[in-house]
């Protein structure tokens, strides 16, 4: 009887050409069979958006033993939905988002296309994890992430995750060569806010236009059980994230309104 290797479905929001996703393939290709379906171009900030009015296209970019790479003209969530419907030969054992070029901690979780991948997998009851490195450079060095990414992936494959729960894993940017992570923290999202998010410009042809920019502020910088604190102190931050966003603590207050 043939023993099937685990099947990993991988996507991202930086595009199928991004270094992060290709390094991730290299890190995990001996652990399981890999199918990649990722956007044709960068789709950062798309969160859980999907294409309701745009026709979608799939292109097979590469096939080699144990690895298939596909691209889609849609969002990260489109990629997961299409892969599950049209590409994968069986239900994946795990959905993985990343490796993202940049920080997806705190409220960035809600904007992140990488987390969109992971939440979509989680909503399909597939164990799902997002990996991000706090480095936006195209040539970011992902090699220090390899041991922990492999360990987390193997744990999730062996033990699964609670129903409706996925993992948001953020790695800090290491300093000098040879430095290592301070450790791993399992933590919650920090409360943070974005400000000065819009820059207005005037075009020489006579019209105004705007860039979405912004500055992130950690609103609880000294609180040690948060992802922002962990990352700023050199720890890898693992935040269990759930699909159910019900504010249970507020239910009794709302019931007291006697509506």
C-alpha atoms as a PDB file:
ATOM      1  CA  UNK A   1       0.000   0.000   0.000  1.00  0.00           C
ATOM      2  CA  UNK A   2       1.395   3.351  -1.052  1.00  0.00           C
ATOM      3  CA  UNK A   3       1.939   5.787   1.820  1.00  0.00           C
ATOM      4  CA  UNK A   4       0.976   9.288   0.741  1.00  0.00           C
ATOM      5  CA  UNK A   5       3.093  12.171   1.911  1.00  0.00           C
ATOM      6  CA  UNK A   6       1.310  15.120   3.534  1.00  0.00           C
ATOM      7  CA  UNK A   7      -0.127  17.574   1.019  1.00  0.00           C
ATOM      8  CA  UNK A   8       0.658  21.248   1.698  1.00  0.00           C
ATOM      9  CA  UNK A   9      -1.250  24.026  -0.065  1.00  0.00           C
ATOM     10  CA  UNK A  10       0.773  27.244  -0.027  1.00  0.00           C
ATOM     11  CA  UNK A  11      -0.143  30.780  -1.060  1.00  0.00           C
ATOM     12  CA  UNK A  12       0.846  34.343  -0.200  1.00  0.00           C
ATOM     13  CA  UNK A  13       0.092  37.989  -0.944  1.00  0.00           C
ATOM     14  CA  UNK A  14       3.486  38.924  -2.428  1.00  0.00           C
ATOM     15  CA  UNK A  15       3.038  36.926  -5.643  1.00  0.00           C
ATOM     16  CA  UNK A  16       4.304  33.556  -6.818  1.00  0.00           C
ATOM     17  CA  UNK A  17       7.700  34.990  -7.800  1.00  0.00           C
ATOM     18  CA  UNK A  18       8.435  36.370  -4.302  1.00  0.00           C
ATOM     19  CA  UNK A  19      11.521  35.109  -2.516  1.00  0.00           C
ATOM     20  CA  UNK A  20       9.574  34.319   0.643  1.00  0.00           C
ATOM     21  CA  UNK A  21       7.249  31.781  -0.937  1.00  0.00           C
ATOM     22  CA  UNK A  22      10.039  30.158  -2.938  1.00  0.00           C
ATOM     23  CA  UNK A  23      12.236  29.841   0.142  1.00  0.00           C
ATOM     24  CA  UNK A  24       9.268  28.284   1.953  1.00  0.00           C
ATOM     25  CA  UNK A  25       8.940  25.673  -0.792  1.00  0.00           C
ATOM     26  CA  UNK A  26      12.608  24.799  -0.330  1.00  0.00           C
ATOM     27  CA  UNK A  27      12.206  24.538   3.456  1.00  0.00           C
ATOM     28  CA  UNK A  28       9.255  22.139   3.313  1.00  0.00           C
ATOM     29  CA  UNK A  29       9.629  20.116   0.104  1.00  0.00           C
ATOM     30  CA  UNK A  30      11.052  17.099   1.951  1.00  0.00           C
ATOM     31  CA  UNK A  31       8.197  17.139   4.484  1.00  0.00           C
ATOM     32  CA  UNK A  32       5.324  16.803   2.019  1.00  0.00           C
ATOM     33  CA  UNK A  33       4.049  17.302  -1.493  1.00  0.00           C
ATOM     34  CA  UNK A  34       3.530  20.987  -2.216  1.00  0.00           C
ATOM     35  CA  UNK A  35       0.981  22.755  -4.371  1.00  0.00           C
ATOM     36  CA  UNK A  36       1.412  26.508  -4.665  1.00  0.00           C
ATOM     37  CA  UNK A  37      -1.349  28.741  -5.934  1.00  0.00           C
ATOM     38  CA  UNK A  38      -0.392  32.376  -5.473  1.00  0.00           C
ATOM     39  CA  UNK A  39      -1.258  35.731  -7.028  1.00  0.00           C
ATOM     40  CA  UNK A  40       0.389  36.759 -10.282  1.00  0.00           C
ATOM     41  CA  UNK A  41       1.446  40.033  -8.665  1.00  0.00           C
ATOM     42  CA  UNK A  42       1.620  41.498  -5.156  1.00  0.00           C
ATOM     43  CA  UNK A  43      -1.765  41.627  -3.413  1.00  0.00           C
ATOM     44  CA  UNK A  44      -0.791  42.985   0.001  1.00  0.00           C
ATOM     45  CA  UNK A  45      -3.633  44.392   2.071  1.00  0.00           C
ATOM     46  CA  UNK A  46      -6.334  42.284   0.423  1.00  0.00           C
ATOM     47  CA  UNK A  47      -7.216  40.495   3.662  1.00  0.00           C
ATOM     48  CA  UNK A  48     -10.095  38.033   3.029  1.00  0.00           C
ATOM     49  CA  UNK A  49     -11.283  39.762  -0.147  1.00  0.00           C
ATOM     50  CA  UNK A  50     -12.323  37.598  -3.079  1.00  0.00           C
ATOM     51  CA  UNK A  51     -13.271  38.444  -6.663  1.00  0.00           C
ATOM     52  CA  UNK A  52     -17.029  38.595  -7.138  1.00  0.00           C
ATOM     53  CA  UNK A  53     -17.112  40.482 -10.452  1.00  0.00           C
ATOM     54  CA  UNK A  54     -13.767  39.684 -12.119  1.00  0.00           C
ATOM     55  CA  UNK A  55     -13.189  36.494 -14.157  1.00  0.00           C
ATOM     56  CA  UNK A  56     -10.287  34.481 -12.758  1.00  0.00           C
ATOM     57  CA  UNK A  57      -7.525  32.698 -14.651  1.00  0.00           C
ATOM     58  CA  UNK A  58      -5.085  29.999 -13.602  1.00  0.00           C
ATOM     59  CA  UNK A  59      -1.651  29.359 -15.086  1.00  0.00           C
ATOM     60  CA  UNK A  60       0.582  26.407 -14.293  1.00  0.00           C
ATOM     61  CA  UNK A  61       4.067  27.877 -13.916  1.00  0.00           C
ATOM     62  CA  UNK A  62       6.094  24.800 -12.961  1.00  0.00           C
ATOM     63  CA  UNK A  63       5.743  21.097 -12.241  1.00  0.00           C
ATOM     64  CA  UNK A  64       8.461  18.936 -10.771  1.00  0.00           C
ATOM     65  CA  UNK A  65       8.381  15.876  -8.530  1.00  0.00           C
ATOM     66  CA  UNK A  66       6.531  16.809  -5.361  1.00  0.00           C
ATOM     67  CA  UNK A  67       5.976  20.466  -6.313  1.00  0.00           C
ATOM     68  CA  UNK A  68       3.441  22.276  -8.479  1.00  0.00           C
ATOM     69  CA  UNK A  69       3.384  26.069  -8.825  1.00  0.00           C
ATOM     70  CA  UNK A  70       0.295  27.856 -10.130  1.00  0.00           C
ATOM     71  CA  UNK A  71      -0.576  31.524 -10.399  1.00  0.00           C
ATOM     72  CA  UNK A  72      -3.929  33.285 -10.382  1.00  0.00           C
ATOM     73  CA  UNK A  73      -4.891  36.826 -11.375  1.00  0.00           C
ATOM     74  CA  UNK A  74      -7.037  37.200  -8.257  1.00  0.00           C
ATOM     75  CA  UNK A  75      -6.598  37.736  -4.542  1.00  0.00           C
ATOM     76  CA  UNK A  76      -4.878  35.416  -2.057  1.00  0.00           C
ATOM     77  CA  UNK A  77      -8.267  34.042  -1.007  1.00  0.00           C
ATOM     78  CA  UNK A  78      -9.181  33.492  -4.678  1.00  0.00           C
ATOM     79  CA  UNK A  79      -6.010  31.429  -4.966  1.00  0.00           C
ATOM     80  CA  UNK A  80      -6.990  29.154  -2.083  1.00  0.00           C
ATOM     81  CA  UNK A  81     -10.581  28.762  -3.279  1.00  0.00           C
ATOM     82  CA  UNK A  82      -9.504  27.935  -6.838  1.00  0.00           C
ATOM     83  CA  UNK A  83      -6.786  25.556  -5.707  1.00  0.00           C
ATOM     84  CA  UNK A  84      -9.224  23.633  -3.515  1.00  0.00           C
ATOM     85  CA  UNK A  85     -11.818  23.498  -6.285  1.00  0.00           C
ATOM     86  CA  UNK A  86      -9.642  22.869  -9.346  1.00  0.00           C
ATOM     87  CA  UNK A  87      -6.055  21.888  -8.586  1.00  0.00           C
ATOM     88  CA  UNK A  88      -5.481  19.780  -5.499  1.00  0.00           C
ATOM     89  CA  UNK A  89      -5.889  16.010  -6.022  1.00  0.00           C
ATOM     90  CA  UNK A  90      -7.198  15.544  -2.477  1.00  0.00           C
ATOM     91  CA  UNK A  91      -7.936  17.572   0.613  1.00  0.00           C
ATOM     92  CA  UNK A  92      -4.712  19.254   1.776  1.00  0.00           C
ATOM     93  CA  UNK A  93      -3.328  18.301   5.167  1.00  0.00           C
ATOM     94  CA  UNK A  94      -2.351  21.906   5.787  1.00  0.00           C
ATOM     95  CA  UNK A  95      -2.734  25.407   4.302  1.00  0.00           C
ATOM     96  CA  UNK A  96       0.243  27.739   4.714  1.00  0.00           C
ATOM     97  CA  UNK A  97       0.458  31.468   4.005  1.00  0.00           C
ATOM     98  CA  UNK A  98       3.814  33.121   3.411  1.00  0.00           C
ATOM     99  CA  UNK A  99       6.554  33.594   3.987  1.00  0.00           C
ATOM    100  CA  UNK A 100       5.371  37.197   3.999  1.00  0.00           C
ATOM    101  CA  UNK A 101       7.771  40.051   3.394  1.00  0.00           C
ATOM    102  CA  UNK A 102       6.742  42.216   6.345  1.00  0.00           C
ATOM    103  CA  UNK A 103       5.070  42.344   9.752  1.00  0.00           C
ATOM    104  CA  UNK A 104       1.590  40.853  10.194  1.00  0.00           C
ATOM    105  CA  UNK A 105       1.275  41.371  13.952  1.00  0.00           C
ATOM    106  CA  UNK A 106      -1.363  43.283  15.929  1.00  0.00           C
ATOM    107  CA  UNK A 107      -4.162  44.880  13.866  1.00  0.00           C
ATOM    108  CA  UNK A 108      -2.219  44.166  10.670  1.00  0.00           C
ATOM    109  CA  UNK A 109      -3.759  40.713  11.015  1.00  0.00           C
ATOM    110  CA  UNK A 110      -7.035  42.191   9.759  1.00  0.00           C
ATOM    111  CA  UNK A 111      -5.486  43.704   6.631  1.00  0.00           C
ATOM    112  CA  UNK A 112      -3.087  40.943   5.696  1.00  0.00           C
ATOM    113  CA  UNK A 113      -3.542  38.897   2.539  1.00  0.00           C
ATOM    114  CA  UNK A 114      -1.201  36.323   4.054  1.00  0.00           C
ATOM    115  CA  UNK A 115      -3.647  35.943   6.931  1.00  0.00           C
ATOM    116  CA  UNK A 116      -6.461  35.869   4.365  1.00  0.00           C
ATOM    117  CA  UNK A 117      -4.894  32.676   3.004  1.00  0.00           C
ATOM    118  CA  UNK A 118      -4.705  31.187   6.475  1.00  0.00           C
ATOM    119  CA  UNK A 119      -8.184  32.209   7.564  1.00  0.00           C
ATOM    120  CA  UNK A 120      -9.645  30.769   4.371  1.00  0.00           C
ATOM    121  CA  UNK A 121      -7.972  27.445   5.043  1.00  0.00           C
ATOM    122  CA  UNK A 122      -9.173  27.563   8.637  1.00  0.00           C
ATOM    123  CA  UNK A 123     -12.747  28.242   7.515  1.00  0.00           C
ATOM    124  CA  UNK A 124     -12.478  25.068   5.439  1.00  0.00           C
ATOM    125  CA  UNK A 125     -11.458  23.188   8.626  1.00  0.00           C
ATOM    126  CA  UNK A 126      -7.920  22.612   7.334  1.00  0.00           C
ATOM    127  CA  UNK A 127      -5.068  23.223   9.823  1.00  0.00           C
ATOM    128  CA  UNK A 128      -3.596  26.536   8.696  1.00  0.00           C
ATOM    129  CA  UNK A 129      -0.571  28.680   9.576  1.00  0.00           C
ATOM    130  CA  UNK A 130       0.783  32.048   8.397  1.00  0.00           C
ATOM    131  CA  UNK A 131       4.503  32.845   8.493  1.00  0.00           C
ATOM    132  CA  UNK A 132       5.821  36.423   8.264  1.00  0.00           C
ATOM    133  CA  UNK A 133       9.205  38.087   8.653  1.00  0.00           C
ATOM    134  CA  UNK A 134       9.491  41.707   9.771  1.00  0.00           C
ATOM    135  CA  UNK A 135      11.512  42.631   6.687  1.00  0.00           C
ATOM    136  CA  UNK A 136       9.901  44.223   3.617  1.00  0.00           C
ATOM    137  CA  UNK A 137      12.969  43.920   1.376  1.00  0.00           C
ATOM    138  CA  UNK A 138      12.618  41.767  -1.736  1.00  0.00           C
ATOM    139  CA  UNK A 139      15.938  40.046  -0.944  1.00  0.00           C
ATOM    140  CA  UNK A 140      15.133  39.409   2.740  1.00  0.00           C
ATOM    141  CA  UNK A 141      17.092  36.586   4.399  1.00  0.00           C
ATOM    142  CA  UNK A 142      14.618  33.862   5.394  1.00  0.00           C
ATOM    143  CA  UNK A 143      17.193  31.213   6.247  1.00  0.00           C
ATOM    144  CA  UNK A 144      17.129  31.840  10.041  1.00  0.00           C
ATOM    145  CA  UNK A 145      13.412  30.969   9.969  1.00  0.00           C
ATOM    146  CA  UNK A 146      13.982  27.479   8.556  1.00  0.00           C
ATOM    147  CA  UNK A 147      14.291  25.400  11.762  1.00  0.00           C
ATOM    148  CA  UNK A 148      11.232  26.829  13.474  1.00  0.00           C
ATOM    149  CA  UNK A 149       9.065  26.836  10.340  1.00  0.00           C
ATOM    150  CA  UNK A 150       9.858  23.164   9.856  1.00  0.00           C
ATOM    151  CA  UNK A 151       9.188  22.369  13.521  1.00  0.00           C
ATOM    152  CA  UNK A 152       5.853  24.205  13.604  1.00  0.00           C
ATOM    153  CA  UNK A 153       4.749  22.596  10.345  1.00  0.00           C
ATOM    154  CA  UNK A 154       5.605  19.126  11.627  1.00  0.00           C
ATOM    155  CA  UNK A 155       3.774  19.742  14.919  1.00  0.00           C
ATOM    156  CA  UNK A 156       0.643  20.926  13.111  1.00  0.00           C
ATOM    157  CA  UNK A 157       0.729  17.967  10.723  1.00  0.00           C
ATOM    158  CA  UNK A 158       1.106  15.552  13.633  1.00  0.00           C
ATOM    159  CA  UNK A 159      -1.274  17.144  16.144  1.00  0.00           C
ATOM    160  CA  UNK A 160      -3.605  19.390  14.166  1.00  0.00           C
ATOM    161  CA  UNK A 161      -5.165  22.577  15.544  1.00  0.00           C
ATOM    162  CA  UNK A 162      -8.439  23.230  17.347  1.00  0.00           C
ATOM    163  CA  UNK A 163     -11.437  23.697  15.067  1.00  0.00           C
ATOM    164  CA  UNK A 164     -11.704  27.318  13.985  1.00  0.00           C
ATOM    165  CA  UNK A 165      -8.173  28.216  15.135  1.00  0.00           C
ATOM    166  CA  UNK A 166      -5.172  29.032  12.956  1.00  0.00           C
ATOM    167  CA  UNK A 167      -1.694  30.327  13.797  1.00  0.00           C
ATOM    168  CA  UNK A 168      -0.214  33.718  12.968  1.00  0.00           C
ATOM    169  CA  UNK A 169       3.582  33.385  13.309  1.00  0.00           C
ATOM    170  CA  UNK A 170       5.753  36.503  13.081  1.00  0.00           C
ATOM    171  CA  UNK A 171       9.560  36.500  13.111  1.00  0.00           C
ATOM    172  CA  UNK A 172      11.538  39.580  14.187  1.00  0.00           C
ATOM    173  CA  UNK A 173      14.330  40.874  12.006  1.00  0.00           C
ATOM    174  CA  UNK A 174      17.639  39.707  13.463  1.00  0.00           C
ATOM    175  CA  UNK A 175      20.422  42.191  13.986  1.00  0.00           C
ATOM    176  CA  UNK A 176      24.075  41.412  13.395  1.00  0.00           C
ATOM    177  CA  UNK A 177      25.090  38.197  11.601  1.00  0.00           C
ATOM    178  CA  UNK A 178      25.308  35.303  14.020  1.00  0.00           C
ATOM    179  CA  UNK A 179      22.611  36.615  16.366  1.00  0.00           C
ATOM    180  CA  UNK A 180      19.699  34.341  17.214  1.00  0.00           C
ATOM    181  CA  UNK A 181      16.126  34.723  18.381  1.00  0.00           C
ATOM    182  CA  UNK A 182      15.578  35.368  22.081  1.00  0.00           C
ATOM    183  CA  UNK A 183      13.037  32.563  22.080  1.00  0.00           C
ATOM    184  CA  UNK A 184       9.403  31.912  21.195  1.00  0.00           C
ATOM    185  CA  UNK A 185       6.381  33.572  22.788  1.00  0.00           C
ATOM    186  CA  UNK A 186       2.796  32.376  22.431  1.00  0.00           C
ATOM    187  CA  UNK A 187       0.976  35.666  22.772  1.00  0.00           C
ATOM    188  CA  UNK A 188      -2.037  37.797  21.953  1.00  0.00           C
ATOM    189  CA  UNK A 189      -2.478  40.604  19.463  1.00  0.00           C
ATOM    190  CA  UNK A 190      -1.336  43.977  20.720  1.00  0.00           C
ATOM    191  CA  UNK A 191      -3.746  46.888  20.694  1.00  0.00           C
ATOM    192  CA  UNK A 192      -2.423  49.261  18.080  1.00  0.00           C
ATOM    193  CA  UNK A 193      -3.611  51.978  15.725  1.00  0.00           C
ATOM    194  CA  UNK A 194      -2.674  53.452  12.367  1.00  0.00           C
ATOM    195  CA  UNK A 195      -2.553  57.236  11.964  1.00  0.00           C
ATOM    196  CA  UNK A 196      -1.756  59.713   9.173  1.00  0.00           C
ATOM    197  CA  UNK A 197      -2.927  57.092   6.733  1.00  0.00           C
ATOM    198  CA  UNK A 198      -3.630  59.308   3.712  1.00  0.00           C
ATOM    199  CA  UNK A 199      -1.272  61.592   1.798  1.00  0.00           C
ATOM    200  CA  UNK A 200      -2.863  63.995  -0.654  1.00  0.00           C
ATOM    201  CA  UNK A 201      -1.001  65.006  -3.800  1.00  0.00           C
ATOM    202  CA  UNK A 202      -1.802  67.268  -6.739  1.00  0.00           C
ATOM    203  CA  UNK A 203      -1.168  66.062 -10.269  1.00  0.00           C
ATOM    204  CA  UNK A 204       0.271  68.529 -12.819  1.00  0.00           C
ATOM    205  CA  UNK A 205      -2.736  67.792 -15.031  1.00  0.00           C
ATOM    206  CA  UNK A 206      -4.999  69.427 -12.483  1.00  0.00           C
ATOM    207  CA  UNK A 207      -6.517  66.750 -10.282  1.00  0.00           C
ATOM    208  CA  UNK A 208      -5.912  65.523  -6.761  1.00  0.00           C
ATOM    209  CA  UNK A 209      -4.898  61.983  -5.848  1.00  0.00           C
ATOM    210  CA  UNK A 210      -4.073  60.143  -2.656  1.00  0.00           C
ATOM    211  CA  UNK A 211      -1.602  57.540  -1.409  1.00  0.00           C
ATOM    212  CA  UNK A 212      -2.464  55.184   1.438  1.00  0.00           C
ATOM    213  CA  UNK A 213       0.531  55.348   3.774  1.00  0.00           C
ATOM    214  CA  UNK A 214       0.399  55.647   7.557  1.00  0.00           C
ATOM    215  CA  UNK A 215       2.296  55.201  10.790  1.00  0.00           C
ATOM    216  CA  UNK A 216       1.665  52.301  13.153  1.00  0.00           C
ATOM    217  CA  UNK A 217       1.572  52.991  16.896  1.00  0.00           C
ATOM    218  CA  UNK A 218       1.745  50.247  19.513  1.00  0.00           C
ATOM    219  CA  UNK A 219      -0.755  51.394  22.149  1.00  0.00           C
ATOM    220  CA  UNK A 220       0.601  49.087  24.874  1.00  0.00           C
ATOM    221  CA  UNK A 221       4.368  48.968  24.309  1.00  0.00           C
ATOM    222  CA  UNK A 222       5.291  47.634  27.758  1.00  0.00           C
ATOM    223  CA  UNK A 223       2.734  44.823  27.933  1.00  0.00           C
ATOM    224  CA  UNK A 224       4.693  41.573  27.766  1.00  0.00           C
ATOM    225  CA  UNK A 225       1.993  39.154  26.604  1.00  0.00           C
ATOM    226  CA  UNK A 226       1.568  40.852  23.204  1.00  0.00           C
ATOM    227  CA  UNK A 227       2.997  40.072  19.784  1.00  0.00           C
ATOM    228  CA  UNK A 228       4.447  43.579  19.396  1.00  0.00           C
ATOM    229  CA  UNK A 229       6.369  43.265  22.668  1.00  0.00           C
ATOM    230  CA  UNK A 230       7.691  39.847  21.690  1.00  0.00           C
ATOM    231  CA  UNK A 231       8.901  41.033  18.288  1.00  0.00           C
ATOM    232  CA  UNK A 232      10.486  44.217  19.654  1.00  0.00           C
ATOM    233  CA  UNK A 233      12.432  42.104  22.172  1.00  0.00           C
ATOM    234  CA  UNK A 234      13.718  39.569  19.660  1.00  0.00           C
ATOM    235  CA  UNK A 235      11.164  36.786  20.206  1.00  0.00           C
ATOM    236  CA  UNK A 236       9.230  34.874  17.585  1.00  0.00           C
ATOM    237  CA  UNK A 237       5.537  35.640  18.191  1.00  0.00           C
ATOM    238  CA  UNK A 238       2.937  32.903  17.739  1.00  0.00           C
ATOM    239  CA  UNK A 239      -0.625  34.163  18.003  1.00  0.00           C
ATOM    240  CA  UNK A 240      -3.447  31.601  17.899  1.00  0.00           C
ATOM    241  CA  UNK A 241      -6.182  33.321  15.861  1.00  0.00           C
ATOM    242  CA  UNK A 242      -9.803  32.258  15.694  1.00  0.00           C
ATOM    243  CA  UNK A 243     -12.526  32.552  13.096  1.00  0.00           C
ATOM    244  CA  UNK A 244     -15.263  33.228  15.650  1.00  0.00           C
ATOM    245  CA  UNK A 245     -15.024  36.959  16.358  1.00  0.00           C
ATOM    246  CA  UNK A 246     -18.045  37.069  18.672  1.00  0.00           C
ATOM    247  CA  UNK A 247     -17.466  39.365  21.657  1.00  0.00           C
ATOM    248  CA  UNK A 248     -18.840  36.953  24.236  1.00  0.00           C
ATOM    249  CA  UNK A 249     -18.036  39.246  27.167  1.00  0.00           C
ATOM    250  CA  UNK A 250     -20.324  41.909  25.708  1.00  0.00           C
ATOM    251  CA  UNK A 251     -23.316  39.645  25.141  1.00  0.00           C
ATOM    252  CA  UNK A 252     -24.842  40.105  28.599  1.00  0.00           C
ATOM    253  CA  UNK A 253     -24.542  43.877  28.353  1.00  0.00           C
ATOM    254  CA  UNK A 254     -26.366  43.908  25.010  1.00  0.00           C
ATOM    255  CA  UNK A 255     -29.019  41.510  26.344  1.00  0.00           C
ATOM    256  CA  UNK A 256     -29.626  43.939  29.240  1.00  0.00           C
ATOM    257  CA  UNK A 257     -30.915  46.504  26.767  1.00  0.00           C
ATOM    258  CA  UNK A 258     -34.131  44.405  26.597  1.00  0.00           C
ATOM    259  CA  UNK A 259     -34.504  44.991  22.904  1.00  0.00           C
END
